[in-house]
Amino acid sequence: RVVCTTPGQSLEDAMILMTEKRVRHLPVLDDGQVLGLVSIG
C-alpha cells in the first residue's frame, strides 16, 4: 500500500503527507502513470 502524490501537489503538502504517513519516498502519479519518485531529502 504505497502512499503516492500528484504532480500538482505542493512540496509543503507532500512533506505533511510523508510525515503523517511516516514514509520517506513518494511515487508521483498522474492518471495512474508513474512520473517520478521523490524522497524526503
All heavy atoms as atom14 arrays in JSON, in Angstrom:
{
  "sequence": "RVVCTTPGQSLEDAMILMTEKRVRHLPVLDDGQVLGLVSIG",
  "atom14_mask": [
    [1, 1, 1, 1, 1, 1, 1, 1, 1, 1, 1, 0, 0, 0],
    [1, 1, 1, 1, 1, 1, 1, 0, 0, 0, 0, 0, 0, 0],
    [1, 1, 1, 1, 1, 1, 1, 0, 0, 0, 0, 0, 0, 0],
    [1, 1, 1, 1, 1, 1, 0, 0, 0, 0, 0, 0, 0, 0],
    [1, 1, 1, 1, 1, 1, 1, 0, 0, 0, 0, 0, 0, 0],
    [1, 1, 1, 1, 1, 1, 1, 0, 0, 0, 0, 0, 0, 0],
    [1, 1, 1, 1, 1, 1, 1, 0, 0, 0, 0, 0, 0, 0],
    [1, 1, 1, 1, 0, 0, 0, 0, 0, 0, 0, 0, 0, 0],
    [1, 1, 1, 1, 1, 1, 1, 1, 1, 0, 0, 0, 0, 0],
    [1, 1, 1, 1, 1, 1, 0, 0, 0, 0, 0, 0, 0, 0],
    [1, 1, 1, 1, 1, 1, 1, 1, 0, 0, 0, 0, 0, 0],
    [1, 1, 1, 1, 1, 1, 1, 1, 1, 0, 0, 0, 0, 0],
    [1, 1, 1, 1, 1, 1, 1, 1, 0, 0, 0, 0, 0, 0],
    [1, 1, 1, 1, 1, 0, 0, 0, 0, 0, 0, 0, 0, 0],
    [1, 1, 1, 1, 1, 1, 1, 1, 0, 0, 0, 0, 0, 0],
    [1, 1, 1, 1, 1, 1, 1, 1, 0, 0, 0, 0, 0, 0],
    [1, 1, 1, 1, 1, 1, 1, 1, 0, 0, 0, 0, 0, 0],
    [1, 1, 1, 1, 1, 1, 1, 1, 0, 0, 0, 0, 0, 0],
    [1, 1, 1, 1, 1, 1, 1, 0, 0, 0, 0, 0, 0, 0],
    [1, 1, 1, 1, 1, 1, 1, 1, 1, 0, 0, 0, 0, 0],
    [1, 1, 1, 1, 1, 1, 1, 1, 1, 0, 0, 0, 0, 0],
    [1, 1, 1, 1, 1, 1, 1, 1, 1, 1, 1, 0, 0, 0],
    [1, 1, 1, 1, 1, 1, 1, 0, 0, 0, 0, 0, 0, 0],
    [1, 1, 1, 1, 1, 1, 1, 1, 1, 1, 1, 0, 0, 0],
    [1, 1, 1, 1, 1, 1, 1, 1, 1, 1, 0, 0, 0, 0],
    [1, 1, 1, 1, 1, 1, 1, 1, 0, 0, 0, 0, 0, 0],
    [1, 1, 1, 1, 1, 1, 1, 0, 0, 0, 0, 0, 0, 0],
    [1, 1, 1, 1, 1, 1, 1, 0, 0, 0, 0, 0, 0, 0],
    [1, 1, 1, 1, 1, 1, 1, 1, 0, 0, 0, 0, 0, 0],
    [1, 1, 1, 1, 1, 1, 1, 1, 0, 0, 0, 0, 0, 0],
    [1, 1, 1, 1, 1, 1, 1, 1, 0, 0, 0, 0, 0, 0],
    [1, 1, 1, 1, 0, 0, 0, 0, 0, 0, 0, 0, 0, 0],
    [1, 1, 1, 1, 1, 1, 1, 1, 1, 0, 0, 0, 0, 0],
    [1, 1, 1, 1, 1, 1, 1, 0, 0, 0, 0, 0, 0, 0],
    [1, 1, 1, 1, 1, 1, 1, 1, 0, 0, 0, 0, 0, 0],
    [1, 1, 1, 1, 0, 0, 0, 0, 0, 0, 0, 0, 0, 0],
    [1, 1, 1, 1, 1, 1, 1, 1, 0, 0, 0, 0, 0, 0],
    [1, 1, 1, 1, 1, 1, 1, 0, 0, 0, 0, 0, 0, 0],
    [1, 1, 1, 1, 1, 1, 0, 0, 0, 0, 0, 0, 0, 0],
    [1, 1, 1, 1, 1, 1, 1, 1, 0, 0, 0, 0, 0, 0],
    [1, 1, 1, 1, 0, 0, 0, 0, 0, 0, 0, 0, 0, 0]
  ],
  "atom14_positions": [
    [[0.86, -1.19, 0.0], [0.0, 0.0, 0.0], [0.89, 1.23, 0.0], [1.23, 1.76, 1.05], [-0.91, 0.01, 1.21], [-2.03, -0.98, 1.09], [-3.13, -0.65, 2.05], [-3.44, -1.85, 2.82], [-4.14, -1.86, 3.91], [-4.58, -0.76, 4.42], [-4.38, -2.99, 4.53], [0.0, 0.0, 0.0], [0.0, 0.0, 0.0], [0.0, 0.0, 0.0]],
    [[1.24, 1.66, -1.18], [2.19, 2.76, -1.34], [1.45, 4.1, -1.32], [0.47, 4.28, -2.05], [2.99, 2.6, -2.64], [3.98, 3.75, -2.82], [3.72, 1.26, -2.65], [0.0, 0.0, 0.0], [0.0, 0.0, 0.0], [0.0, 0.0, 0.0], [0.0, 0.0, 0.0], [0.0, 0.0, 0.0], [0.0, 0.0, 0.0], [0.0, 0.0, 0.0]],
    [[1.95, 5.0, -0.5], [1.42, 6.36, -0.45], [2.01, 7.1, -1.65], [3.23, 7.05, -1.87], [1.82, 7.05, 0.87], [1.31, 8.49, 0.9], [1.32, 6.26, 2.06], [0.0, 0.0, 0.0], [0.0, 0.0, 0.0], [0.0, 0.0, 0.0], [0.0, 0.0, 0.0], [0.0, 0.0, 0.0], [0.0, 0.0, 0.0], [0.0, 0.0, 0.0]],
    [[1.15, 7.77, -2.42], [1.6, 8.45, -3.63], [1.21, 9.93, -3.58], [0.41, 10.35, -2.76], [0.97, 7.82, -4.86], [1.39, 6.08, -5.08], [0.0, 0.0, 0.0], [0.0, 0.0, 0.0], [0.0, 0.0, 0.0], [0.0, 0.0, 0.0], [0.0, 0.0, 0.0], [0.0, 0.0, 0.0], [0.0, 0.0, 0.0], [0.0, 0.0, 0.0]],
    [[1.77, 10.69, -4.51], [1.44, 12.1, -4.66], [1.15, 12.38, -6.13], [1.29, 11.5, -6.98], [2.57, 13.0, -4.13], [2.12, 14.36, -4.12], [3.83, 12.89, -4.96], [0.0, 0.0, 0.0], [0.0, 0.0, 0.0], [0.0, 0.0, 0.0], [0.0, 0.0, 0.0], [0.0, 0.0, 0.0], [0.0, 0.0, 0.0], [0.0, 0.0, 0.0]],
    [[0.75, 13.59, -6.41], [0.45, 14.02, -7.78], [1.41, 15.16, -8.15], [1.95, 15.82, -7.27], [-0.99, 14.53, -7.91], [-1.16, 15.67, -7.06], [-1.99, 13.44, -7.52], [0.0, 0.0, 0.0], [0.0, 0.0, 0.0], [0.0, 0.0, 0.0], [0.0, 0.0, 0.0], [0.0, 0.0, 0.0], [0.0, 0.0, 0.0], [0.0, 0.0, 0.0]],
    [[1.57, 15.42, -9.44], [2.48, 16.49, -9.85], [2.02, 17.87, -9.4], [2.84, 18.78, -9.24], [2.51, 16.39, -11.38], [1.36, 15.54, -11.77], [1.01, 14.7, -10.59], [0.0, 0.0, 0.0], [0.0, 0.0, 0.0], [0.0, 0.0, 0.0], [0.0, 0.0, 0.0], [0.0, 0.0, 0.0], [0.0, 0.0, 0.0], [0.0, 0.0, 0.0]],
    [[0.73, 18.05, -9.16], [0.22, 19.35, -8.75], [0.26, 19.63, -7.26], [-0.03, 20.74, -6.82], [0.0, 0.0, 0.0], [0.0, 0.0, 0.0], [0.0, 0.0, 0.0], [0.0, 0.0, 0.0], [0.0, 0.0, 0.0], [0.0, 0.0, 0.0], [0.0, 0.0, 0.0], [0.0, 0.0, 0.0], [0.0, 0.0, 0.0], [0.0, 0.0, 0.0]],
    [[0.65, 18.64, -6.46], [0.7, 18.85, -5.01], [1.87, 19.74, -4.65], [2.95, 19.66, -5.25], [0.8, 17.51, -4.29], [0.64, 17.63, -2.78], [0.48, 16.29, -2.1], [1.18, 15.34, -2.41], [-0.45, 16.21, -1.16], [0.0, 0.0, 0.0], [0.0, 0.0, 0.0], [0.0, 0.0, 0.0], [0.0, 0.0, 0.0], [0.0, 0.0, 0.0]],
    [[1.68, 20.6, -3.67], [2.77, 21.47, -3.22], [3.8, 20.65, -2.43], [3.46, 19.6, -1.87], [2.24, 22.6, -2.34], [1.82, 22.11, -1.08], [0.0, 0.0, 0.0], [0.0, 0.0, 0.0], [0.0, 0.0, 0.0], [0.0, 0.0, 0.0], [0.0, 0.0, 0.0], [0.0, 0.0, 0.0], [0.0, 0.0, 0.0], [0.0, 0.0, 0.0]],
    [[5.03, 21.13, -2.39], [6.06, 20.45, -1.62], [5.69, 20.4, -0.15], [5.91, 19.39, 0.52], [7.41, 21.14, -1.79], [8.0, 21.21, -3.19], [9.43, 21.72, -3.14], [7.92, 19.9, -3.93], [0.0, 0.0, 0.0], [0.0, 0.0, 0.0], [0.0, 0.0, 0.0], [0.0, 0.0, 0.0], [0.0, 0.0, 0.0], [0.0, 0.0, 0.0]],
    [[5.1, 21.48, 0.33], [4.69, 21.53, 1.74], [3.65, 20.46, 2.04], [3.76, 19.73, 3.04], [4.13, 22.91, 2.07], [3.72, 23.08, 3.51], [3.21, 24.48, 3.79], [4.04, 25.4, 3.89], [1.98, 24.64, 3.89], [0.0, 0.0, 0.0], [0.0, 0.0, 0.0], [0.0, 0.0, 0.0], [0.0, 0.0, 0.0], [0.0, 0.0, 0.0]],
    [[2.64, 20.32, 1.18], [1.62, 19.3, 1.4], [2.2, 17.89, 1.28], [1.79, 16.98, 2.0], [0.46, 19.48, 0.42], [-0.42, 20.67, 0.77], [-0.34, 21.17, 1.92], [-1.19, 21.11, -0.11], [0.0, 0.0, 0.0], [0.0, 0.0, 0.0], [0.0, 0.0, 0.0], [0.0, 0.0, 0.0], [0.0, 0.0, 0.0], [0.0, 0.0, 0.0]],
    [[3.14, 17.71, 0.36], [3.79, 16.41, 0.22], [4.59, 16.07, 1.48], [4.58, 14.93, 1.94], [4.69, 16.39, -1.01], [0.0, 0.0, 0.0], [0.0, 0.0, 0.0], [0.0, 0.0, 0.0], [0.0, 0.0, 0.0], [0.0, 0.0, 0.0], [0.0, 0.0, 0.0], [0.0, 0.0, 0.0], [0.0, 0.0, 0.0], [0.0, 0.0, 0.0]],
    [[5.24, 17.07, 2.05], [6.01, 16.84, 3.27], [5.08, 16.5, 4.43], [5.39, 15.62, 5.23], [6.86, 18.06, 3.6], [7.82, 17.81, 4.75], [8.97, 19.15, 5.03], [10.15, 18.83, 3.75], [0.0, 0.0, 0.0], [0.0, 0.0, 0.0], [0.0, 0.0, 0.0], [0.0, 0.0, 0.0], [0.0, 0.0, 0.0], [0.0, 0.0, 0.0]],
    [[3.95, 17.17, 4.51], [2.96, 16.86, 5.54], [2.47, 15.43, 5.37], [2.38, 14.67, 6.34], [1.79, 17.87, 5.5], [2.27, 19.25, 5.98], [0.61, 17.38, 6.34], [1.29, 20.38, 5.71], [0.0, 0.0, 0.0], [0.0, 0.0, 0.0], [0.0, 0.0, 0.0], [0.0, 0.0, 0.0], [0.0, 0.0, 0.0], [0.0, 0.0, 0.0]],
    [[2.16, 15.05, 4.14], [1.71, 13.69, 3.85], [2.75, 12.66, 4.27], [2.43, 11.66, 4.92], [1.41, 13.55, 2.35], [0.99, 12.18, 1.84], [-0.34, 11.74, 2.46], [0.9, 12.2, 0.32], [0.0, 0.0, 0.0], [0.0, 0.0, 0.0], [0.0, 0.0, 0.0], [0.0, 0.0, 0.0], [0.0, 0.0, 0.0], [0.0, 0.0, 0.0]],
    [[4.01, 12.91, 3.93], [5.08, 11.98, 4.29], [5.22, 11.86, 5.8], [5.43, 10.76, 6.33], [6.4, 12.43, 3.67], [6.43, 12.3, 2.16], [7.94, 12.96, 1.46], [8.83, 11.45, 1.17], [0.0, 0.0, 0.0], [0.0, 0.0, 0.0], [0.0, 0.0, 0.0], [0.0, 0.0, 0.0], [0.0, 0.0, 0.0], [0.0, 0.0, 0.0]],
    [[5.09, 12.98, 6.49], [5.2, 12.97, 7.95], [4.04, 12.21, 8.58], [4.25, 11.38, 9.46], [5.26, 14.42, 8.48], [6.37, 15.09, 7.88], [5.39, 14.45, 9.99], [0.0, 0.0, 0.0], [0.0, 0.0, 0.0], [0.0, 0.0, 0.0], [0.0, 0.0, 0.0], [0.0, 0.0, 0.0], [0.0, 0.0, 0.0], [0.0, 0.0, 0.0]],
    [[2.83, 12.49, 8.12], [1.65, 11.82, 8.68], [1.66, 10.32, 8.42], [1.29, 9.53, 9.27], [0.37, 12.42, 8.1], [0.06, 13.8, 8.63], [-1.15, 14.43, 7.95], [-1.67, 13.87, 6.95], [-1.56, 15.51, 8.42], [0.0, 0.0, 0.0], [0.0, 0.0, 0.0], [0.0, 0.0, 0.0], [0.0, 0.0, 0.0], [0.0, 0.0, 0.0]],
    [[2.08, 9.92, 7.23], [2.08, 8.5, 6.85], [3.38, 7.79, 7.2], [3.5, 6.58, 6.99], [1.8, 8.35, 5.35], [0.47, 8.92, 4.91], [-0.68, 8.16, 5.52], [-2.0, 8.68, 5.0], [-3.14, 7.97, 5.53], [0.0, 0.0, 0.0], [0.0, 0.0, 0.0], [0.0, 0.0, 0.0], [0.0, 0.0, 0.0], [0.0, 0.0, 0.0]],
    [[4.34, 8.56, 7.7], [5.64, 8.01, 8.12], [6.35, 7.25, 6.99], [6.77, 6.11, 7.15], [5.47, 7.14, 9.35], [4.88, 7.9, 10.53], [4.69, 7.03, 11.73], [5.94, 6.47, 12.18], [6.67, 6.91, 13.21], [6.23, 7.92, 13.91], [7.79, 6.31, 13.54], [0.0, 0.0, 0.0], [0.0, 0.0, 0.0], [0.0, 0.0, 0.0]],
    [[6.43, 7.93, 5.82], [7.13, 7.37, 4.67], [8.24, 8.33, 4.24], [8.19, 9.51, 4.54], [6.18, 7.08, 3.48], [5.14, 6.04, 3.87], [5.5, 8.34, 2.97], [0.0, 0.0, 0.0], [0.0, 0.0, 0.0], [0.0, 0.0, 0.0], [0.0, 0.0, 0.0], [0.0, 0.0, 0.0], [0.0, 0.0, 0.0], [0.0, 0.0, 0.0]],
    [[9.2, 7.79, 3.53], [10.34, 8.59, 3.08], [10.4, 8.76, 1.57], [11.21, 9.52, 1.06], [11.64, 7.95, 3.55], [11.77, 7.92, 5.05], [13.04, 7.24, 5.47], [13.11, 7.17, 6.91], [14.1, 6.61, 7.56], [15.08, 6.05, 6.91], [14.11, 6.59, 8.87], [0.0, 0.0, 0.0], [0.0, 0.0, 0.0], [0.0, 0.0, 0.0]],
    [[9.53, 8.03, 0.87], [9.52, 8.09, -0.6], [8.09, 8.14, -1.11], [7.24, 7.4, -0.63], [10.22, 6.86, -1.19], [11.62, 6.71, -0.73], [11.96, 6.03, 0.43], [12.78, 7.18, -1.24], [13.26, 6.08, 0.6], [13.79, 6.77, -0.39], [0.0, 0.0, 0.0], [0.0, 0.0, 0.0], [0.0, 0.0, 0.0], [0.0, 0.0, 0.0]],
    [[7.86, 9.01, -2.1], [6.54, 9.14, -2.7], [6.62, 8.99, -4.21], [7.23, 9.84, -4.89], [5.94, 10.53, -2.42], [5.43, 10.88, -1.04], [4.98, 12.35, -1.0], [4.29, 9.97, -0.64], [0.0, 0.0, 0.0], [0.0, 0.0, 0.0], [0.0, 0.0, 0.0], [0.0, 0.0, 0.0], [0.0, 0.0, 0.0], [0.0, 0.0, 0.0]],
    [[6.02, 7.96, -4.77], [5.9, 7.92, -6.23], [4.95, 9.05, -6.66], [3.99, 9.37, -5.96], [5.27, 6.56, -6.5], [5.56, 5.75, -5.27], [5.55, 6.73, -4.14], [0.0, 0.0, 0.0], [0.0, 0.0, 0.0], [0.0, 0.0, 0.0], [0.0, 0.0, 0.0], [0.0, 0.0, 0.0], [0.0, 0.0, 0.0], [0.0, 0.0, 0.0]],
    [[5.25, 9.63, -7.79], [4.42, 10.7, -8.34], [3.61, 10.09, -9.49], [4.19, 9.61, -10.47], [5.27, 11.87, -8.85], [4.38, 12.99, -9.39], [6.2, 12.38, -7.76], [0.0, 0.0, 0.0], [0.0, 0.0, 0.0], [0.0, 0.0, 0.0], [0.0, 0.0, 0.0], [0.0, 0.0, 0.0], [0.0, 0.0, 0.0], [0.0, 0.0, 0.0]],
    [[2.28, 10.1, -9.34], [1.4, 9.5, -10.34], [0.48, 10.55, -10.95], [0.01, 11.46, -10.26], [0.53, 8.41, -9.72], [1.22, 7.24, -9.05], [0.2, 6.28, -8.46], [2.1, 6.5, -10.03], [0.0, 0.0, 0.0], [0.0, 0.0, 0.0], [0.0, 0.0, 0.0], [0.0, 0.0, 0.0], [0.0, 0.0, 0.0], [0.0, 0.0, 0.0]],
    [[0.23, 10.4, -12.23], [-0.74, 11.23, -12.92], [-1.58, 10.3, -13.78], [-1.07, 9.68, -14.71], [-0.05, 12.28, -13.78], [-1.03, 13.29, -14.37], [-2.12, 13.46, -13.79], [-0.7, 13.9, -15.4], [0.0, 0.0, 0.0], [0.0, 0.0, 0.0], [0.0, 0.0, 0.0], [0.0, 0.0, 0.0], [0.0, 0.0, 0.0], [0.0, 0.0, 0.0]],
    [[-2.84, 10.16, -13.42], [-3.75, 9.26, -14.15], [-3.22, 7.83, -14.19], [-3.27, 7.16, -15.22], [-3.97, 9.77, -15.56], [-5.44, 9.97, -15.87], [-6.27, 9.78, -14.97], [-5.74, 10.29, -17.03], [0.0, 0.0, 0.0], [0.0, 0.0, 0.0], [0.0, 0.0, 0.0], [0.0, 0.0, 0.0], [0.0, 0.0, 0.0], [0.0, 0.0, 0.0]],
    [[-2.63, 7.38, -13.07], [-2.1, 6.02, -12.98], [-0.72, 5.83, -13.58], [-0.12, 4.78, -13.42], [0.0, 0.0, 0.0], [0.0, 0.0, 0.0], [0.0, 0.0, 0.0], [0.0, 0.0, 0.0], [0.0, 0.0, 0.0], [0.0, 0.0, 0.0], [0.0, 0.0, 0.0], [0.0, 0.0, 0.0], [0.0, 0.0, 0.0], [0.0, 0.0, 0.0]],
    [[-0.2, 6.85, -14.26], [1.13, 6.75, -14.87], [2.18, 7.29, -13.91], [2.01, 8.37, -13.34], [1.17, 7.54, -16.18], [2.51, 7.47, -16.87], [2.54, 8.29, -18.15], [1.56, 8.91, -18.54], [3.68, 8.31, -18.79], [0.0, 0.0, 0.0], [0.0, 0.0, 0.0], [0.0, 0.0, 0.0], [0.0, 0.0, 0.0], [0.0, 0.0, 0.0]],
    [[3.27, 6.55, -13.74], [4.35, 6.97, -12.86], [5.18, 8.05, -13.56], [5.72, 7.83, -14.65], [5.27, 5.78, -12.49], [6.42, 6.26, -11.62], [4.48, 4.69, -11.79], [0.0, 0.0, 0.0], [0.0, 0.0, 0.0], [0.0, 0.0, 0.0], [0.0, 0.0, 0.0], [0.0, 0.0, 0.0], [0.0, 0.0, 0.0], [0.0, 0.0, 0.0]],
    [[5.26, 9.22, -12.94], [6.03, 10.33, -13.5], [7.4, 10.48, -12.84], [8.3, 11.08, -13.41], [5.27, 11.65, -13.32], [3.9, 11.76, -13.97], [3.32, 13.14, -13.72], [3.98, 11.46, -15.45], [0.0, 0.0, 0.0], [0.0, 0.0, 0.0], [0.0, 0.0, 0.0], [0.0, 0.0, 0.0], [0.0, 0.0, 0.0], [0.0, 0.0, 0.0]],
    [[7.53, 9.94, -11.64], [8.79, 10.07, -10.91], [8.64, 9.57, -9.49], [7.61, 9.01, -9.12], [0.0, 0.0, 0.0], [0.0, 0.0, 0.0], [0.0, 0.0, 0.0], [0.0, 0.0, 0.0], [0.0, 0.0, 0.0], [0.0, 0.0, 0.0], [0.0, 0.0, 0.0], [0.0, 0.0, 0.0], [0.0, 0.0, 0.0], [0.0, 0.0, 0.0]],
    [[9.68, 9.81, -8.72], [9.71, 9.41, -7.31], [10.46, 10.49, -6.56], [11.54, 10.9, -6.98], [10.43, 8.06, -7.17], [10.51, 7.45, -5.79], [9.15, 6.89, -5.37], [11.54, 6.32, -5.76], [0.0, 0.0, 0.0], [0.0, 0.0, 0.0], [0.0, 0.0, 0.0], [0.0, 0.0, 0.0], [0.0, 0.0, 0.0], [0.0, 0.0, 0.0]],
    [[9.88, 10.99, -5.47], [10.55, 11.99, -4.66], [10.79, 11.45, -3.26], [9.99, 10.67, -2.74], [9.76, 13.33, -4.6], [9.69, 13.98, -5.97], [8.37, 13.15, -4.03], [0.0, 0.0, 0.0], [0.0, 0.0, 0.0], [0.0, 0.0, 0.0], [0.0, 0.0, 0.0], [0.0, 0.0, 0.0], [0.0, 0.0, 0.0], [0.0, 0.0, 0.0]],
    [[11.89, 11.87, -2.68], [12.24, 11.44, -1.32], [12.09, 12.62, -0.38], [12.02, 13.78, -0.81], [13.67, 10.92, -1.28], [14.58, 12.0, -1.45], [0.0, 0.0, 0.0], [0.0, 0.0, 0.0], [0.0, 0.0, 0.0], [0.0, 0.0, 0.0], [0.0, 0.0, 0.0], [0.0, 0.0, 0.0], [0.0, 0.0, 0.0], [0.0, 0.0, 0.0]],
    [[12.09, 12.33, 0.9], [12.05, 13.4, 1.89], [13.26, 14.31, 1.73], [13.16, 15.52, 1.88], [11.92, 12.83, 3.33], [11.61, 13.93, 4.34], [13.15, 12.07, 3.74], [10.21, 14.47, 4.26], [0.0, 0.0, 0.0], [0.0, 0.0, 0.0], [0.0, 0.0, 0.0], [0.0, 0.0, 0.0], [0.0, 0.0, 0.0], [0.0, 0.0, 0.0]],
    [[14.39, 13.73, 1.36], [15.6, 14.53, 1.13], [15.43, 15.49, -0.03], [15.89, 16.64, 0.04], [0.0, 0.0, 0.0], [0.0, 0.0, 0.0], [0.0, 0.0, 0.0], [0.0, 0.0, 0.0], [0.0, 0.0, 0.0], [0.0, 0.0, 0.0], [0.0, 0.0, 0.0], [0.0, 0.0, 0.0], [0.0, 0.0, 0.0], [0.0, 0.0, 0.0]]
  ]
}
